[in-house]
Structure formats: structure tokens, C-alpha cells
Amino acid sequence: MLTGTSMVLNRIAPVEENPLKLEDRPVPQPGSKQILIKVSACGICHSELDEIEGRLTPRLPVVPGHEIIGRVVKSGANAGRFKLGDRVGVAWINSACGKCYFCMNGNENLCAKFKATGCDVDGGYGEYTVVLEDFAYKIPERFTDTRAAPLMCAGAIGYRALKLTGLKNGENMGLYGFGASAHIVIQMIKHRYPDSNVFVFTKNRDDLPGRLARKMGADWTGATGDTPPEKLHRVIDTTPVGMPVQEALRNLEKGGRLVINLIRKETPIPELDYTEHLWYEKEIKSVTNITRNDVEEFLSLASEIPITSKIREFRLEEANHALNLLKMGKYQGAGVLKI
């Protein structure tokens, strides 16, 4: 029996306990409409921390990872979208029912039967994975495997968040947090909205993410709690803690919108004062999952710009170490497992 090596999560635990275990598993066989992918790279996302530590409930055991790049090595009997050898990507959305109210209205991300790659089904922290062919994407040639990997979630979900802000050229954008997603989002803003100022808030003044933000064209950087030089018309919050929500609303212009782009907050959102934080028709909107259309549109835009992903590569067996570094904020941009 052909086997492949994977990093497997068998129990919920603090990431400091290094709970992912290296295992040899049978290579999965593609079903009727599925393709088998030999994985070459998989991005490391903060959602993996949520799964491992139990803020998001994964199926156990599970192979994490939803920023997958690889090549088709086998197709199911009724799969015909891709040829053997084609390079494809897989994102957070692994499947949806295609029949419910949400799916029929372009919101498959809200489908009650939505399945997430690396959470509800095995993902890309391993040598092989399978996916329905309709939930795989051709990757533009201009991106290497490792630089393409963060595009599948950090980039695509950042694209969805940016769309949901309703940003118009010339309006001020605030970014709370400057990690894997925000460092891609700023490139989209500078490309599509050249007259908009981008104000970036990080954990501490002049920390590594703040320095990267300035290098990538931020018009101002500060720490969460600081007051920017101008009010913010739109804000995206990608931080895992609650305080930035209160701070973003404090700095938001009348009629502005805050989009919260993450699955779970590790600490509560502080109490909001209606007059200070919510009055004047301010809006809060969350991002939930992603649609295939988001991924397709973003990959086209990423190739047009082109997006440059700042990455740090790790070996597959270093996944626990990489996740610990991510939790501590010890590297800039996006981590990627090279498999």
C-alpha cells in the first residue's frame, strides 16, 4: 500500500505542547469527482492555532492546512477539469451543498453543510490530499509554489474582507494587525485605491510587523491604542484579541465600517459605549469563510498586480515549531511548509 507522510492532529492541546505528530498514512484515493494532489507547499494560517487549541472544533484525527499548492497525480472516474500534472490550489472552502438558500444566492460560505479544508476534512500538512475538482483552482504561472500558498487563504480571505469594507478611492483605510493577510491586502489597496491612505496598527510601536508595513507603503504606523492622524473610513481587523475592535470603532469616521476578518477572538471584546463607539451610523461586519468566486477573482487580481508574498519556509516536520513562532509573532508575513 502506498503511503505518505503527514502531520496529524489527534487531540486538542496548547500549541506549546507540539501536538501535531508525524505519521505515515495510506495515500487517499480520489472519489468520482475528486482529484488526488501531491502537495508541494502548504501555508500556515492562524486558523490552525484555533483548531489545535480548540477555539474551532476540528474533526479528529485531522491533517490541518488549507493553503495548499500541488500537482494533480490522479483523477476520479468522472473528474475532467484538470490534466495529470496540472498545478492547482485548494483553499478553506472544501465543499458546500450547492442547493440551499445561501448557495443559490452566491453565499456558499454561509452554507450549513460548508466543510473546511484541514478542519472538517484532511488538508495539506502532508504529502497527499484529495478534493472535489470543482473546489480546486489553477494557479497562475508567475507564482512559485511557496509564494502561491498564502494566496489561497491569507490573500483570498483578505480580498473578501476588502470587498466587504466598501472602500472607495481616497478614503482612509485602517489595518489592525499586519500579518499574513494584511501584508497582501495593503498591496491590493495600493493598486486599486491609489489615493487612499493606509494606517496600520500593530501590537507595539516600531515592532517587526510595523516596520514591514512601512516598507510596504503604509502612510502611518502605530500601536493599538494610538490615535491616527485622520479618522478612518474603513477598517479591517485581523488580530486575535478583542481590544482592537473597541479601538477601531473609536477611530472610525461617522458612517464608517469595521470588518472583522478572523474566525475566533482569543480574548473578549471590551464593553462598547454606544455614544463613543457605535453612534453616527458606524457599522461592524464579520467575515465568515470564503466562496470559490472570491478565490477565482483574487487569483486573477494577484497575477495582475502582481502580489508579492513575504514568506518564511519550514520543513513539514517543523510544523509545530512554525505554529509556535506564529503564536508568538516571531516572523513577518506568512509561514509556508515546503513539502
Protein backbone atom coordinates (compact mmCIF):
# COMPACT_ATOMS: atom_id res chain seq x y z
CA MET A 1 0.00 0.00 0.00
CA LEU A 2 1.36 3.42 -1.00
CA THR A 3 1.77 5.73 1.99
CA GLY A 4 2.54 9.41 2.51
CA THR A 5 3.84 11.38 5.47
CA SER A 6 1.54 13.84 7.25
CA MET A 7 1.48 15.97 10.38
CA VAL A 8 -1.65 14.81 12.20
CA LEU A 9 -3.67 16.43 15.00
CA ASN A 10 -5.09 13.71 17.28
CA ARG A 11 -6.02 15.82 20.32
CA ILE A 12 -6.84 19.38 21.32
CA ALA A 13 -3.94 20.95 23.22
CA PRO A 14 -1.98 24.19 23.64
CA VAL A 15 0.30 24.60 20.65
CA GLU A 16 3.25 24.82 23.05
CA GLU A 17 2.77 21.07 23.66
CA ASN A 18 3.62 20.38 20.00
CA PRO A 19 0.53 18.21 19.46
CA LEU A 20 1.00 17.53 15.73
CA LYS A 21 2.55 14.11 15.17
CA LEU A 22 4.41 12.92 12.07
CA GLU A 23 2.66 9.82 10.73
CA ASP A 24 2.72 7.62 7.65
CA ARG A 25 -0.81 7.25 6.29
CA PRO A 26 -2.28 5.47 3.27
CA VAL A 27 -2.46 7.75 0.24
CA PRO A 28 -6.16 8.69 -0.17
CA GLN A 29 -7.88 7.56 -3.35
CA PRO A 30 -9.96 10.12 -5.28
CA GLY A 31 -13.71 9.60 -5.45
CA SER A 32 -15.78 10.00 -8.59
CA LYS A 33 -15.43 13.79 -8.94
CA GLN A 34 -12.25 14.19 -6.91
CA ILE A 35 -8.60 14.70 -7.76
CA LEU A 36 -5.57 13.42 -5.85
CA ILE A 37 -2.96 16.13 -5.28
CA LYS A 38 0.71 15.63 -4.44
CA VAL A 39 1.28 18.60 -2.16
CA SER A 40 4.36 20.75 -2.72
CA ALA A 41 3.61 23.62 -0.32
CA CYS A 42 1.05 24.49 2.34
CA GLY A 43 0.67 27.85 4.03
CA ILE A 44 0.43 28.17 7.82
CA CYS A 45 -2.65 30.08 8.97
CA HIS A 46 -3.79 31.42 12.34
CA SER A 47 -6.92 29.29 11.96
CA GLU A 48 -4.69 26.26 12.57
CA LEU A 49 -3.95 27.65 16.04
CA ASP A 50 -7.69 27.93 16.66
CA GLU A 51 -8.21 24.31 15.59
CA ILE A 52 -5.31 22.91 17.60
CA GLU A 53 -6.24 24.80 20.76
CA GLY A 54 -9.97 24.15 20.49
CA ARG A 55 -11.43 27.58 19.73
CA LEU A 56 -12.60 25.99 16.48
CA THR A 57 -13.77 22.39 16.60
CA PRO A 58 -11.93 20.16 14.10
CA ARG A 59 -12.70 16.58 13.18
CA LEU A 60 -10.17 14.38 14.95
CA PRO A 61 -7.86 13.00 13.85
CA VAL A 62 -7.25 15.51 11.09
CA VAL A 63 -4.42 16.71 8.88
CA PRO A 64 -4.53 20.53 9.13
CA GLY A 65 -3.73 23.00 6.36
CA HIS A 66 -5.87 24.90 3.86
CA GLU A 67 -3.42 26.93 1.77
CA ILE A 68 -2.46 24.06 -0.50
CA ILE A 69 -0.41 24.06 -3.69
CA GLY A 70 0.38 20.85 -5.54
CA ARG A 71 0.02 18.83 -8.71
CA VAL A 72 -2.72 16.50 -9.88
CA VAL A 73 -1.45 12.91 -9.86
CA LYS A 74 -4.74 11.02 -10.20
CA SER A 75 -8.34 11.80 -11.15
CA GLY A 76 -11.59 10.13 -10.19
CA ALA A 77 -13.68 8.34 -12.82
CA ASN A 78 -15.89 11.39 -13.50
CA ALA A 79 -13.35 14.15 -12.92
CA GLY A 80 -12.22 16.02 -16.04
CA ARG A 81 -11.41 19.65 -15.22
CA PHE A 82 -7.68 19.09 -14.78
CA LYS A 83 -4.99 17.05 -16.50
CA LEU A 84 -2.39 14.97 -14.73
CA GLY A 85 0.48 17.26 -13.82
CA ASP A 86 -1.63 20.43 -13.61
CA ARG A 87 -0.67 22.71 -10.72
CA VAL A 88 -3.67 23.51 -8.53
CA GLY A 89 -4.53 25.15 -5.24
CA VAL A 90 -7.02 24.33 -2.52
CA ALA A 91 -8.49 26.92 -0.14
CA TRP A 92 -10.50 26.92 3.12
CA ILE A 93 -13.73 26.05 1.31
CA ASN A 94 -13.63 22.31 0.66
CA SER A 95 -17.29 21.82 -0.24
CA ALA A 96 -20.81 23.21 0.17
CA CYS A 97 -24.19 21.68 -0.63
CA GLY A 98 -24.87 23.79 -3.74
CA LYS A 99 -28.63 23.65 -3.17
CA CYS A 100 -29.54 25.72 -0.10
CA TYR A 101 -30.71 29.34 0.04
CA PHE A 102 -27.20 30.61 0.67
CA CYS A 103 -25.53 28.56 -2.06
CA MET A 104 -28.21 29.56 -4.58
CA ASN A 105 -27.64 33.25 -3.76
CA GLY A 106 -23.87 33.34 -4.08
CA ASN A 107 -23.16 32.89 -0.37
CA GLU A 108 -21.90 29.32 -0.23
CA ASN A 109 -19.61 30.46 2.58
CA LEU A 110 -22.71 30.53 4.82
CA CYS A 111 -23.97 27.06 3.82
CA ALA A 112 -24.91 24.90 6.84
CA LYS A 113 -23.09 21.99 5.17
CA PHE A 114 -19.93 24.02 4.48
CA LYS A 115 -16.83 21.89 5.01
CA ALA A 116 -13.45 23.44 5.71
CA THR A 117 -10.18 22.05 4.38
CA GLY A 118 -7.87 20.88 7.16
CA CYS A 119 -10.65 21.11 9.73
CA ASP A 120 -13.66 19.05 8.63
CA VAL A 121 -11.58 17.02 6.15
CA ASP A 122 -7.85 16.34 5.82
CA GLY A 123 -5.80 19.19 4.44
CA GLY A 124 -2.30 19.97 3.24
CA TYR A 125 0.10 19.34 6.14
CA GLY A 126 1.12 16.18 4.30
CA GLU A 127 2.32 14.73 1.04
CA TYR A 128 -1.09 13.95 -0.49
CA THR A 129 -4.66 15.23 -0.28
CA VAL A 130 -7.91 14.82 -2.22
CA VAL A 131 -10.55 17.40 -3.09
CA LEU A 132 -13.59 17.71 -5.33
CA GLU A 133 -12.33 19.06 -8.65
CA ASP A 134 -14.82 21.96 -8.52
CA PHE A 135 -13.11 23.20 -5.36
CA ALA A 136 -9.60 23.35 -6.82
CA TYR A 137 -8.05 26.26 -8.73
CA LYS A 138 -5.47 26.64 -11.48
CA ILE A 139 -2.54 28.66 -10.14
CA PRO A 140 -1.10 31.50 -12.26
CA GLU A 141 2.32 30.59 -13.63
CA ARG A 142 4.03 33.70 -12.31
CA PHE A 143 3.93 32.44 -8.70
CA THR A 144 6.26 29.81 -7.26
CA ASP A 145 4.66 27.07 -5.15
CA THR A 146 5.72 28.56 -1.82
CA ARG A 147 4.74 32.10 -2.76
CA ALA A 148 1.39 30.92 -4.11
CA ALA A 149 0.43 29.10 -0.91
CA PRO A 150 -0.51 32.19 1.18
CA LEU A 151 -2.70 33.42 -1.67
CA MET A 152 -5.15 30.58 -1.03
CA CYS A 153 -6.35 31.97 2.32
CA ALA A 154 -4.41 34.96 3.63
CA GLY A 155 -4.80 36.60 0.23
CA ALA A 156 -8.24 35.36 -0.80
CA ILE A 157 -9.91 35.99 2.56
CA GLY A 158 -8.19 39.39 2.66
CA TYR A 159 -9.72 40.09 -0.75
CA ARG A 160 -13.17 39.20 0.59
CA ALA A 161 -12.64 41.43 3.63
CA LEU A 162 -11.53 44.32 1.45
CA LYS A 163 -14.63 43.93 -0.74
CA LEU A 164 -16.86 43.94 2.33
CA THR A 165 -15.40 47.24 3.57
CA GLY A 166 -16.82 49.06 0.55
CA LEU A 167 -13.63 51.15 0.34
CA LYS A 168 -13.67 53.97 -2.23
CA ASN A 169 -10.59 55.60 -3.69
CA GLY A 170 -9.48 58.46 -1.45
CA GLU A 171 -10.97 57.06 1.76
CA ASN A 172 -8.72 56.24 4.71
CA MET A 173 -8.21 52.54 5.47
CA GLY A 174 -7.11 51.23 8.86
CA LEU A 175 -5.48 47.81 9.26
CA TYR A 176 -5.34 46.39 12.77
CA GLY A 177 -2.70 43.68 12.69
CA PHE A 178 -0.16 43.24 9.92
CA GLY A 179 0.46 39.55 9.38
CA ALA A 180 -0.03 37.13 6.51
CA SER A 181 -3.34 38.59 5.32
CA ALA A 182 -2.77 42.31 5.86
CA HIS A 183 0.60 42.34 4.09
CA ILE A 184 -1.27 41.13 0.98
CA VAL A 185 -4.27 43.41 1.50
CA ILE A 186 -2.08 46.53 1.52
CA GLN A 187 -0.83 45.61 -1.95
CA MET A 188 -4.41 45.38 -3.22
CA ILE A 189 -5.28 48.75 -1.68
CA LYS A 190 -2.26 50.50 -3.17
CA HIS A 191 -3.10 49.01 -6.58
CA ARG A 192 -6.85 49.63 -6.69
CA TYR A 193 -7.18 52.69 -4.44
CA PRO A 194 -4.01 54.74 -5.03
CA ASP A 195 -5.39 57.88 -3.37
CA SER A 196 -6.34 56.14 -0.12
CA ASN A 197 -4.16 56.44 2.96
CA VAL A 198 -3.40 53.20 4.82
CA PHE A 199 -2.92 53.49 8.58
CA VAL A 200 -1.55 50.34 10.25
CA PHE A 201 -1.85 49.41 13.92
CA THR A 202 0.35 46.65 15.40
CA LYS A 203 0.94 45.33 18.90
CA ASN A 204 3.84 47.65 19.68
CA ARG A 205 5.26 50.76 18.04
CA ASP A 206 8.15 50.03 15.68
CA ASP A 207 7.81 46.25 16.02
CA LEU A 208 8.61 43.84 13.18
CA PRO A 209 5.11 43.94 11.62
CA GLY A 210 5.08 47.75 11.86
CA ARG A 211 8.42 48.00 10.10
CA LEU A 212 7.21 45.67 7.36
CA ALA A 213 4.07 47.82 6.96
CA ARG A 214 6.16 50.96 6.45
CA LYS A 215 8.37 49.14 3.97
CA MET A 216 5.26 48.09 2.03
CA GLY A 217 3.88 51.62 1.78
CA ALA A 218 1.82 52.29 4.91
CA ASP A 219 1.19 56.01 5.26
CA TRP A 220 1.36 55.83 9.06
CA THR A 221 2.03 53.11 11.64
CA GLY A 222 1.31 52.96 15.34
CA ALA A 223 0.27 50.65 18.14
CA THR A 224 -3.25 49.57 19.04
CA GLY A 225 -4.42 52.34 21.36
CA ASP A 226 -2.84 55.12 19.31
CA THR A 227 -4.88 57.78 17.50
CA PRO A 228 -4.10 58.06 13.76
CA PRO A 229 -3.58 61.48 12.11
CA GLU A 230 -7.01 61.25 10.46
CA LYS A 231 -10.27 59.40 11.08
CA LEU A 232 -10.67 56.00 9.39
CA HIS A 233 -13.43 55.48 6.84
CA ARG A 234 -12.92 51.70 6.65
CA VAL A 235 -11.08 49.25 8.89
CA ILE A 236 -10.05 45.59 8.67
CA ASP A 237 -9.18 43.85 11.94
CA THR A 238 -7.19 40.60 11.65
CA THR A 239 -5.96 40.41 15.24
CA PRO A 240 -6.81 37.50 17.58
CA VAL A 241 -7.66 39.75 20.54
CA GLY A 242 -10.69 41.85 21.46
CA MET A 243 -9.25 45.30 22.20
CA PRO A 244 -8.70 46.35 18.54
CA VAL A 245 -12.46 46.20 17.92
CA GLN A 246 -13.07 48.88 20.54
CA GLU A 247 -10.12 50.92 19.30
CA ALA A 248 -11.11 50.69 15.64
CA LEU A 249 -14.62 51.92 16.43
CA ARG A 250 -13.17 54.80 18.45
CA ASN A 251 -11.08 55.87 15.46
CA LEU A 252 -13.80 55.24 12.87
CA GLU A 253 -15.31 58.14 10.96
CA LYS A 254 -19.07 58.73 11.01
CA GLY A 255 -20.76 56.22 8.71
CA GLY A 256 -17.60 54.11 8.59
CA ARG A 257 -17.38 50.32 8.57
CA LEU A 258 -15.26 47.88 10.54
CA VAL A 259 -14.78 44.41 9.04
CA ILE A 260 -13.54 41.72 11.44
CA ASN A 261 -11.61 39.13 9.45
CA LEU A 262 -10.99 36.05 11.59
CA ILE A 263 -12.83 33.05 12.99
CA ARG A 264 -12.34 33.45 16.75
CA LYS A 265 -11.18 36.09 19.21
CA GLU A 266 -8.93 34.68 21.93
CA THR A 267 -9.88 37.46 24.35
CA PRO A 268 -13.28 39.18 24.77
CA ILE A 269 -14.18 42.40 23.01
CA PRO A 270 -14.27 45.09 25.75
CA GLU A 271 -17.55 46.75 26.62
CA LEU A 272 -18.60 49.26 23.97
CA ASP A 273 -20.02 52.65 24.84
CA TYR A 274 -22.84 53.39 22.43
CA THR A 275 -22.10 57.10 22.02
CA GLU A 276 -18.32 56.79 21.72
CA HIS A 277 -18.08 53.60 19.66
CA LEU A 278 -21.32 52.92 17.77
CA TRP A 279 -23.28 56.11 17.26
CA TYR A 280 -23.17 58.08 13.99
CA GLU A 281 -24.19 55.07 11.89
CA LYS A 282 -20.95 53.17 12.33
CA GLU A 283 -21.09 49.54 11.13
CA ILE A 284 -19.49 46.26 12.20
CA LYS A 285 -19.37 43.35 9.76
CA SER A 286 -17.72 39.94 10.15
CA VAL A 287 -16.10 37.75 7.52
CA THR A 288 -17.28 34.14 7.52
CA ASN A 289 -15.41 31.61 5.40
CA ILE A 290 -14.92 32.21 1.69
CA THR A 291 -16.53 31.43 -1.66
CA ARG A 292 -14.97 29.89 -4.76
CA ASN A 293 -15.72 33.11 -6.61
CA ASP A 294 -13.60 35.04 -4.09
CA VAL A 295 -10.64 32.75 -4.77
CA GLU A 296 -11.00 32.94 -8.56
CA GLU A 297 -11.32 36.75 -8.57
CA PHE A 298 -8.43 37.18 -6.19
CA LEU A 299 -6.04 34.91 -8.12
CA SER A 300 -6.71 36.98 -11.24
CA LEU A 301 -6.06 40.23 -9.36
CA ALA A 302 -2.97 38.79 -7.63
CA SER A 303 -1.47 37.94 -11.00
CA GLU A 304 -2.32 41.37 -12.40
CA ILE A 305 -0.69 43.37 -9.58
CA PRO A 306 1.39 41.06 -9.07
CA ILE A 307 1.16 40.22 -5.36
CA THR A 308 4.45 39.54 -3.58
CA SER A 309 4.12 37.26 -0.56
CA LYS A 310 6.74 37.65 2.15
CA ILE A 311 7.28 34.11 3.37
CA ARG A 312 9.33 32.05 5.77
CA GLU A 313 9.78 28.43 4.74
CA PHE A 314 9.68 25.44 7.09
CA ARG A 315 10.02 21.70 6.55
CA LEU A 316 6.92 19.56 7.11
CA GLU A 317 8.33 18.09 10.31
CA GLU A 318 8.85 21.65 11.63
CA ALA A 319 5.11 22.40 11.63
CA ASN A 320 4.82 22.51 15.44
CA HIS A 321 7.78 24.88 15.67
CA ALA A 322 6.35 27.10 12.95
CA LEU A 323 2.98 27.30 14.71
CA ASN A 324 4.68 28.25 17.98
CA LEU A 325 6.55 31.04 16.20
CA LEU A 326 3.28 32.21 14.62
CA LYS A 327 1.58 32.37 18.02
CA MET A 328 4.45 34.42 19.41
CA GLY A 329 4.56 36.73 16.37
CA LYS A 330 8.17 35.82 15.68
CA TYR A 331 8.22 36.18 11.90
CA GLN A 332 6.96 38.62 9.30
CA GLY A 333 4.48 37.83 6.57
CA ALA A 334 3.40 34.20 6.06
CA GLY A 335 4.85 30.86 7.08
CA VAL A 336 4.85 28.07 4.49
CA LEU A 337 5.57 24.35 4.82
CA LYS A 338 7.67 23.15 1.88
CA ILE A 339 6.79 19.51 1.32
